[in-house]
Amino acid sequence: MLNGMLLAIVFYAKSRLGASPTQTGQIVLCYDIAYVVGCLLAQGLLSRFTPQKCLVIAMSWFFGGALLSYFGHGLTYLYLGQIFFGVGTSFFWPPLMGWLSEGYEGKELARMTGYYNLTWSTACFITPLMMGALCDLNDTYPLILLVVIYAIQLPIFITFHLTNRKKTVKSSEAEEHVKGKQTMLRYPSWYGVACAWCIVGFLIGVYPNAAKELLHVSSSRVGFYYTLRSAGQAVALVALGFFTFWQFRRWQLAVGHLATAVAILLLGFAKSTSMVVACLILLGPLFAHAYTNSMVHGVAGSKNRTQRMLIHEVLLSAGSLLGAWIGGFLYQHFNLTVACSFCSALMFSSFVCDLLPWERKA
């Protein structure tokens, strides 16, 4: 629902409220700022709360964000709703990711990462298509769906927490026993995922409406294109979890980051539907590559998985924030090619970073 929410609200803001590309980028910006600030301020709470309690807190914020987005009138309420969604996400992803990776290293860590990525990425198959189709029927339908879904999920997670609170330990206690090999590759991996998510922020906050104008297609058609991208990303996420030859190898980082820079540059020059779809499908697995490298190399050998996951998530949001904000500005005041070229140049800097002599162990 988070994946579909951003796409739906960008379409809603454009069609109902006449939002400019800069303003739709600011919607994603509010979400990312709230997420980053939430992650930074919630560090102490996350170490004291069980993951189940964190999920209840997250669902409460999500429900509040859905209510504000639907019942509010004007962009101000959409911005405020995104702040609620961002804070809620800070209580959702980091503790969940730290919890599920506890006690795993090497191939086992990659496999668990693959299973984990399979669950959330599979959901991304249908949400862009579903939200695009709902927007074509009525652009308020996705917001109604958000309210209904979170109204159902909140009591379910409260019940789950109350029935399991005596059976689990806090994440900080479980993470004490993790031992393994750390790697300096976490640094280029972290920078790479921040640059990759700059492109993601641009694709979510700015490009959907640009694609409609460029290709003269409906919201549902753009949603279908994004579903194809999500499908490619999901397949790659699972594959990277089951094939581990890439771990602790710098060359594969450089290849993936360079390919991402080329793909987003080509998207900026693409004029035909087939070229746009090809670029989006290619970008899906490349995002998965950057994400998995950051996640696996980031937590490898660490005793505090939640803390490392916080870094990973903050970098994702910082990148998305930059891409949505600057990408929207460049598209509005210049053109799509300039915006995509900026994203490409940023991603190319990650490739240059990969070429530095990073040591194997740290």
Protein backbone atom coordinates (compact mmCIF):
# COMPACT_ATOMS: atom_id res chain seq x y z
CA MET A 1 0.00 0.00 0.00
CA LEU A 2 2.91 2.38 0.62
CA ASN A 3 4.18 1.67 -2.88
CA GLY A 4 0.79 2.38 -4.45
CA MET A 5 0.03 5.30 -2.14
CA LEU A 6 2.78 7.55 -3.50
CA LEU A 7 1.83 6.90 -7.12
CA ALA A 8 -1.87 7.49 -6.45
CA ILE A 9 -1.33 10.72 -4.52
CA VAL A 10 0.95 12.11 -7.24
CA PHE A 11 -1.83 11.49 -9.81
CA TYR A 12 -4.47 12.90 -7.40
CA ALA A 13 -2.47 16.07 -6.73
CA LYS A 14 -2.02 16.70 -10.45
CA SER A 15 -5.59 16.00 -11.60
CA ARG A 16 -7.63 17.35 -8.67
CA LEU A 17 -5.42 20.12 -7.29
CA GLY A 18 -3.44 21.14 -10.39
CA ALA A 19 -0.10 20.47 -8.72
CA SER A 20 3.02 21.37 -10.69
CA PRO A 21 5.94 18.91 -11.17
CA THR A 22 7.80 20.71 -8.38
CA GLN A 23 4.81 20.33 -6.04
CA THR A 24 4.34 16.62 -6.82
CA GLY A 25 8.03 16.21 -6.11
CA GLN A 26 7.49 18.01 -2.81
CA ILE A 27 4.87 15.43 -1.85
CA VAL A 28 7.51 12.71 -2.04
CA LEU A 29 9.92 15.14 -0.37
CA CYS A 30 7.65 15.45 2.69
CA TYR A 31 7.45 11.68 2.99
CA ASP A 32 11.21 11.24 2.75
CA ILE A 33 12.06 14.07 5.18
CA ALA A 34 9.61 12.69 7.73
CA TYR A 35 11.07 9.21 7.27
CA VAL A 36 14.66 10.37 7.71
CA VAL A 37 13.83 12.49 10.75
CA GLY A 38 11.71 9.69 12.18
CA CYS A 39 14.55 7.18 11.78
CA LEU A 40 17.01 9.52 13.48
CA LEU A 41 14.73 10.44 16.37
CA ALA A 42 13.35 6.94 16.91
CA GLN A 43 16.71 5.19 17.39
CA GLY A 44 16.36 4.99 21.17
CA LEU A 45 12.74 3.82 20.98
CA LEU A 46 13.47 1.12 18.40
CA SER A 47 16.06 -0.48 20.68
CA ARG A 48 13.59 -0.65 23.56
CA PHE A 49 10.46 -1.75 21.69
CA THR A 50 9.80 -5.19 20.25
CA PRO A 51 9.24 -5.31 16.49
CA GLN A 52 5.56 -6.13 17.11
CA LYS A 53 5.06 -2.95 19.10
CA CYS A 54 6.86 -0.95 16.41
CA LEU A 55 4.45 -2.37 13.81
CA VAL A 56 1.44 -1.22 15.86
CA ILE A 57 2.91 2.28 16.09
CA ALA A 58 3.58 2.26 12.34
CA MET A 59 0.03 1.22 11.46
CA SER A 60 -1.37 3.97 13.69
CA TRP A 61 0.60 6.61 11.79
CA PHE A 62 -0.36 5.06 8.43
CA PHE A 63 -4.04 5.18 9.34
CA GLY A 64 -3.72 8.83 10.37
CA GLY A 65 -1.96 9.66 7.09
CA ALA A 66 -4.70 7.95 5.08
CA LEU A 67 -7.41 9.90 6.92
CA LEU A 68 -5.65 13.24 6.35
CA SER A 69 -5.11 12.52 2.65
CA TYR A 70 -8.73 11.59 2.00
CA PHE A 71 -10.67 13.95 4.27
CA GLY A 72 -8.34 16.95 3.93
CA HIS A 73 -8.77 19.55 1.20
CA GLY A 74 -5.75 21.05 -0.53
CA LEU A 75 -2.07 20.27 -0.93
CA THR A 76 -1.36 21.16 2.71
CA TYR A 77 -3.27 18.10 3.89
CA LEU A 78 -1.46 15.89 1.37
CA TYR A 79 1.88 17.19 2.66
CA LEU A 80 0.79 16.56 6.25
CA GLY A 81 -0.47 13.09 5.36
CA GLN A 82 2.93 12.27 3.85
CA ILE A 83 4.58 13.32 7.12
CA PHE A 84 2.37 10.79 8.93
CA PHE A 85 3.27 8.08 6.41
CA GLY A 86 6.97 8.92 6.70
CA VAL A 87 7.05 8.76 10.49
CA GLY A 88 5.09 5.51 10.40
CA THR A 89 7.57 3.98 7.97
CA SER A 90 10.44 4.77 10.35
CA PHE A 91 8.79 2.43 12.87
CA PHE A 92 8.13 -0.20 10.22
CA TRP A 93 11.09 -1.04 7.97
CA PRO A 94 14.24 -0.73 10.17
CA PRO A 95 13.08 -2.89 13.12
CA LEU A 96 11.46 -5.42 10.78
CA MET A 97 14.60 -5.74 8.65
CA GLY A 98 16.87 -5.96 11.68
CA TRP A 99 14.61 -8.58 13.29
CA LEU A 100 14.46 -10.84 10.24
CA SER A 101 18.24 -10.78 9.63
CA GLU A 102 19.25 -11.65 13.20
CA GLY A 103 21.78 -14.47 13.46
CA TYR A 104 22.44 -14.88 9.72
CA GLU A 105 25.73 -14.40 7.86
CA GLY A 106 27.14 -15.17 4.42
CA LYS A 107 24.95 -17.33 2.21
CA GLU A 108 22.32 -17.68 4.93
CA LEU A 109 22.07 -13.89 5.21
CA ALA A 110 21.64 -13.58 1.44
CA ARG A 111 18.97 -16.31 1.43
CA MET A 112 17.03 -14.68 4.24
CA THR A 113 17.34 -11.35 2.42
CA GLY A 114 15.95 -13.04 -0.69
CA TYR A 115 12.92 -14.38 1.19
CA TYR A 116 12.34 -11.02 2.83
CA ASN A 117 12.62 -9.13 -0.46
CA LEU A 118 10.26 -11.62 -2.11
CA THR A 119 7.46 -10.73 0.33
CA TRP A 120 7.46 -6.98 -0.12
CA SER A 121 8.45 -6.89 -3.80
CA THR A 122 5.70 -9.34 -4.79
CA ALA A 123 3.16 -6.86 -3.44
CA CYS A 124 4.62 -4.23 -5.77
CA PHE A 125 3.50 -6.25 -8.80
CA ILE A 126 -0.12 -5.25 -8.53
CA THR A 127 -0.24 -1.92 -6.69
CA PRO A 128 0.94 0.41 -9.52
CA LEU A 129 -1.51 -1.22 -11.96
CA MET A 130 -4.31 -1.21 -9.39
CA MET A 131 -3.78 2.42 -8.34
CA GLY A 132 -3.50 3.60 -11.94
CA ALA A 133 -6.76 1.84 -12.87
CA LEU A 134 -8.56 3.26 -9.82
CA CYS A 135 -7.33 6.77 -10.67
CA ASP A 136 -8.82 6.45 -14.15
CA LEU A 137 -12.21 5.57 -12.62
CA ASN A 138 -12.07 8.23 -9.91
CA ASP A 139 -8.92 9.76 -8.47
CA THR A 140 -10.32 9.56 -4.92
CA TYR A 141 -10.80 5.78 -5.02
CA PRO A 142 -7.16 4.98 -4.12
CA LEU A 143 -7.42 7.25 -1.07
CA ILE A 144 -10.60 5.48 0.05
CA LEU A 145 -8.79 2.17 -0.37
CA LEU A 146 -5.95 3.41 1.84
CA VAL A 147 -8.36 4.33 4.62
CA VAL A 148 -10.13 0.96 4.43
CA ILE A 149 -6.93 -1.13 4.32
CA TYR A 150 -5.29 0.58 7.29
CA ALA A 151 -8.56 0.54 9.25
CA ILE A 152 -8.44 -3.25 8.86
CA GLN A 153 -4.71 -3.67 9.47
CA LEU A 154 -4.45 -1.60 12.65
CA PRO A 155 -6.62 -3.86 14.88
CA ILE A 156 -4.97 -6.95 13.35
CA PHE A 157 -1.50 -5.75 14.36
CA ILE A 158 -2.73 -4.71 17.81
CA THR A 159 -4.08 -8.23 18.33
CA PHE A 160 -0.83 -9.75 17.03
CA HIS A 161 1.20 -7.65 19.46
CA LEU A 162 -0.98 -8.44 22.48
CA THR A 163 -0.90 -12.20 21.85
CA ASN A 164 2.87 -12.38 21.22
CA ARG A 165 4.39 -9.76 23.52
CA LYS A 166 5.61 -12.35 26.07
CA LYS A 167 7.15 -14.65 23.47
CA THR A 168 9.71 -12.34 21.84
CA VAL A 169 12.86 -10.55 22.92
CA LYS A 170 13.87 -7.04 22.06
CA SER A 171 15.96 -6.65 18.94
CA SER A 172 18.94 -5.20 20.81
CA GLU A 173 19.11 -8.29 23.04
CA ALA A 174 19.00 -10.74 20.12
CA GLU A 175 21.58 -8.83 18.09
CA GLU A 176 24.21 -9.20 20.82
CA HIS A 177 25.08 -12.74 19.66
CA VAL A 178 25.71 -12.04 15.98
CA LYS A 179 29.26 -12.63 14.76
CA GLY A 180 30.63 -12.40 11.25
CA LYS A 181 32.88 -10.68 8.73
CA GLN A 182 32.41 -6.97 8.15
CA THR A 183 33.44 -5.39 4.87
CA MET A 184 34.51 -1.95 3.67
CA LEU A 185 32.23 -2.50 0.66
CA ARG A 186 29.38 -1.24 2.82
CA TYR A 187 30.53 2.32 2.08
CA PRO A 188 30.36 2.26 -1.75
CA SER A 189 27.22 0.11 -1.43
CA TRP A 190 25.58 2.73 0.79
CA TYR A 191 26.54 5.57 -1.53
CA GLY A 192 25.34 3.56 -4.51
CA VAL A 193 21.91 2.89 -3.02
CA ALA A 194 21.51 6.57 -2.11
CA CYS A 195 22.22 7.52 -5.75
CA ALA A 196 19.93 4.77 -7.07
CA TRP A 197 17.08 5.92 -4.85
CA CYS A 198 17.58 9.44 -6.14
CA ILE A 199 16.36 7.97 -9.43
CA VAL A 200 13.55 6.13 -7.62
CA GLY A 201 12.37 9.40 -6.05
CA PHE A 202 12.35 11.05 -9.47
CA LEU A 203 10.47 8.12 -11.02
CA ILE A 204 7.84 8.16 -8.27
CA GLY A 205 7.37 11.88 -7.73
CA VAL A 206 7.92 13.38 -11.18
CA TYR A 207 8.07 10.90 -14.04
CA PRO A 208 4.49 9.44 -13.90
CA ASN A 209 2.91 12.70 -15.06
CA ALA A 210 5.80 13.32 -17.45
CA ALA A 211 5.17 9.92 -19.04
CA LYS A 212 1.46 10.71 -19.46
CA GLU A 213 2.30 13.97 -21.22
CA LEU A 214 5.09 12.49 -23.33
CA LEU A 215 3.36 9.29 -24.42
CA HIS A 216 -0.25 10.55 -24.25
CA VAL A 217 -1.42 7.54 -22.22
CA SER A 218 -3.75 7.02 -19.27
CA SER A 219 -2.87 6.67 -15.60
CA SER A 220 -3.61 2.94 -15.76
CA ARG A 221 -1.17 2.53 -18.65
CA VAL A 222 1.58 4.30 -16.69
CA GLY A 223 0.73 2.09 -13.72
CA PHE A 224 1.15 -0.95 -15.96
CA TYR A 225 4.60 0.23 -17.05
CA TYR A 226 5.57 0.65 -13.39
CA THR A 227 4.23 -2.81 -12.63
CA LEU A 228 6.62 -4.22 -15.24
CA ARG A 229 9.47 -2.35 -13.57
CA SER A 230 8.43 -3.72 -10.17
CA ALA A 231 8.25 -7.24 -11.60
CA GLY A 232 11.82 -7.00 -12.88
CA GLN A 233 12.95 -5.63 -9.55
CA ALA A 234 11.24 -8.41 -7.62
CA VAL A 235 12.71 -11.19 -9.75
CA ALA A 236 16.19 -9.71 -9.35
CA LEU A 237 15.78 -9.30 -5.57
CA VAL A 238 14.91 -12.97 -5.19
CA ALA A 239 17.71 -14.09 -7.55
CA LEU A 240 20.30 -12.07 -5.64
CA GLY A 241 19.15 -13.81 -2.48
CA PHE A 242 19.72 -17.31 -3.86
CA PHE A 243 22.88 -16.71 -5.93
CA THR A 244 25.67 -15.42 -3.72
CA PHE A 245 28.67 -15.21 -6.09
CA TRP A 246 28.40 -11.40 -6.05
CA GLN A 247 29.02 -10.99 -2.31
CA PHE A 248 32.17 -9.10 -1.29
CA ARG A 249 33.12 -8.47 -4.96
CA ARG A 250 33.72 -4.89 -5.98
CA TRP A 251 33.48 -5.43 -9.74
CA GLN A 252 29.78 -6.25 -9.66
CA LEU A 253 29.06 -3.00 -7.77
CA ALA A 254 30.78 -0.98 -10.48
CA VAL A 255 29.00 -2.78 -13.33
CA GLY A 256 25.56 -2.36 -11.75
CA HIS A 257 26.03 1.31 -10.90
CA LEU A 258 27.37 2.17 -14.36
CA ALA A 259 24.46 0.35 -16.03
CA THR A 260 22.00 2.32 -13.88
CA ALA A 261 23.58 5.62 -14.96
CA VAL A 262 23.25 4.61 -18.62
CA ALA A 263 19.64 3.39 -18.25
CA ILE A 264 18.30 6.58 -16.66
CA LEU A 265 20.15 8.70 -19.25
CA LEU A 266 18.49 6.71 -22.05
CA LEU A 267 15.10 7.23 -20.38
CA GLY A 268 15.65 10.98 -20.61
CA PHE A 269 16.04 10.73 -24.38
CA ALA A 270 13.36 8.07 -24.96
CA LYS A 271 10.42 9.24 -27.06
CA SER A 272 8.67 5.98 -27.91
CA THR A 273 6.60 3.74 -25.66
CA SER A 274 8.81 0.72 -26.34
CA MET A 275 11.97 2.60 -25.35
CA VAL A 276 10.40 3.95 -22.15
CA VAL A 277 9.17 0.50 -21.13
CA ALA A 278 12.55 -1.07 -21.92
CA CYS A 279 14.35 1.49 -19.74
CA LEU A 280 11.90 1.03 -16.85
CA ILE A 281 12.17 -2.77 -17.00
CA LEU A 282 15.98 -2.52 -17.02
CA LEU A 283 16.00 -0.13 -14.07
CA GLY A 284 13.99 -2.55 -11.91
CA PRO A 285 16.75 -5.20 -11.55
CA LEU A 286 19.38 -2.46 -11.24
CA PHE A 287 17.54 -0.96 -8.28
CA ALA A 288 17.38 -4.45 -6.78
CA HIS A 289 21.15 -4.77 -7.26
CA ALA A 290 21.87 -1.52 -5.41
CA TYR A 291 19.36 -2.33 -2.65
CA THR A 292 20.65 -5.85 -1.97
CA ASN A 293 24.30 -4.80 -1.96
CA SER A 294 23.55 -2.09 0.58
CA MET A 295 21.46 -4.38 2.75
CA VAL A 296 23.81 -7.40 2.77
CA HIS A 297 27.16 -5.59 2.89
CA GLY A 298 25.72 -3.11 5.36
CA VAL A 299 24.73 -5.65 8.02
CA ALA A 300 27.41 -8.30 7.38
CA GLY A 301 29.27 -8.95 10.62
CA SER A 302 27.40 -6.30 12.57
CA LYS A 303 26.14 -6.88 16.10
CA ASN A 304 23.53 -4.15 15.83
CA ARG A 305 21.44 -4.98 12.78
CA THR A 306 18.70 -2.46 13.51
CA GLN A 307 21.24 0.37 13.64
CA ARG A 308 22.74 -0.66 10.29
CA MET A 309 19.27 -0.97 8.79
CA LEU A 310 18.53 2.55 9.98
CA ILE A 311 21.54 3.78 8.00
CA HIS A 312 20.34 1.83 4.95
CA GLU A 313 16.84 3.26 5.17
CA VAL A 314 18.00 6.83 5.83
CA LEU A 315 20.16 6.65 2.71
CA LEU A 316 17.21 5.36 0.66
CA SER A 317 15.06 8.25 1.82
CA ALA A 318 17.78 10.87 1.42
CA GLY A 319 18.31 9.74 -2.16
CA SER A 320 14.59 9.67 -2.91
CA LEU A 321 14.20 13.11 -1.35
CA LEU A 322 16.94 14.58 -3.53
CA GLY A 323 15.61 12.95 -6.70
CA ALA A 324 12.02 14.06 -6.18
CA TRP A 325 12.96 17.62 -5.22
CA ILE A 326 15.72 18.46 -7.68
CA GLY A 327 14.29 16.24 -10.44
CA GLY A 328 10.92 18.00 -10.21
CA PHE A 329 12.58 21.41 -10.31
CA LEU A 330 14.75 20.54 -13.32
CA TYR A 331 11.83 19.01 -15.22
CA GLN A 332 9.58 22.00 -14.58
CA HIS A 333 12.14 24.70 -15.41
CA PHE A 334 14.15 22.89 -18.10
CA ASN A 335 13.03 19.53 -19.52
CA LEU A 336 12.94 15.80 -18.93
CA THR A 337 16.34 15.22 -20.53
CA VAL A 338 18.05 17.63 -18.12
CA ALA A 339 16.36 15.99 -15.11
CA CYS A 340 17.38 12.49 -16.20
CA SER A 341 20.90 13.68 -17.01
CA PHE A 342 21.24 14.97 -13.46
CA CYS A 343 20.21 11.56 -12.10
CA SER A 344 22.64 9.87 -14.48
CA ALA A 345 25.54 12.09 -13.44
CA LEU A 346 24.84 11.39 -9.78
CA MET A 347 24.74 7.66 -10.44
CA PHE A 348 27.97 7.86 -12.45
CA SER A 349 29.66 9.39 -9.39
CA SER A 350 28.78 6.16 -7.57
CA PHE A 351 30.56 4.19 -10.29
CA VAL A 352 33.64 6.37 -9.77
CA CYS A 353 33.39 5.74 -6.02
CA ASP A 354 33.40 1.98 -6.68
CA LEU A 355 36.77 2.28 -8.43
CA LEU A 356 38.48 3.51 -5.27
CA PRO A 357 40.68 0.90 -3.52
CA TRP A 358 38.22 -0.32 -0.91
CA GLU A 359 39.72 -3.00 1.30
CA ARG A 360 38.01 -6.33 1.81
CA LYS A 361 37.81 -6.34 5.61
CA ALA A 362 37.16 -3.77 8.28
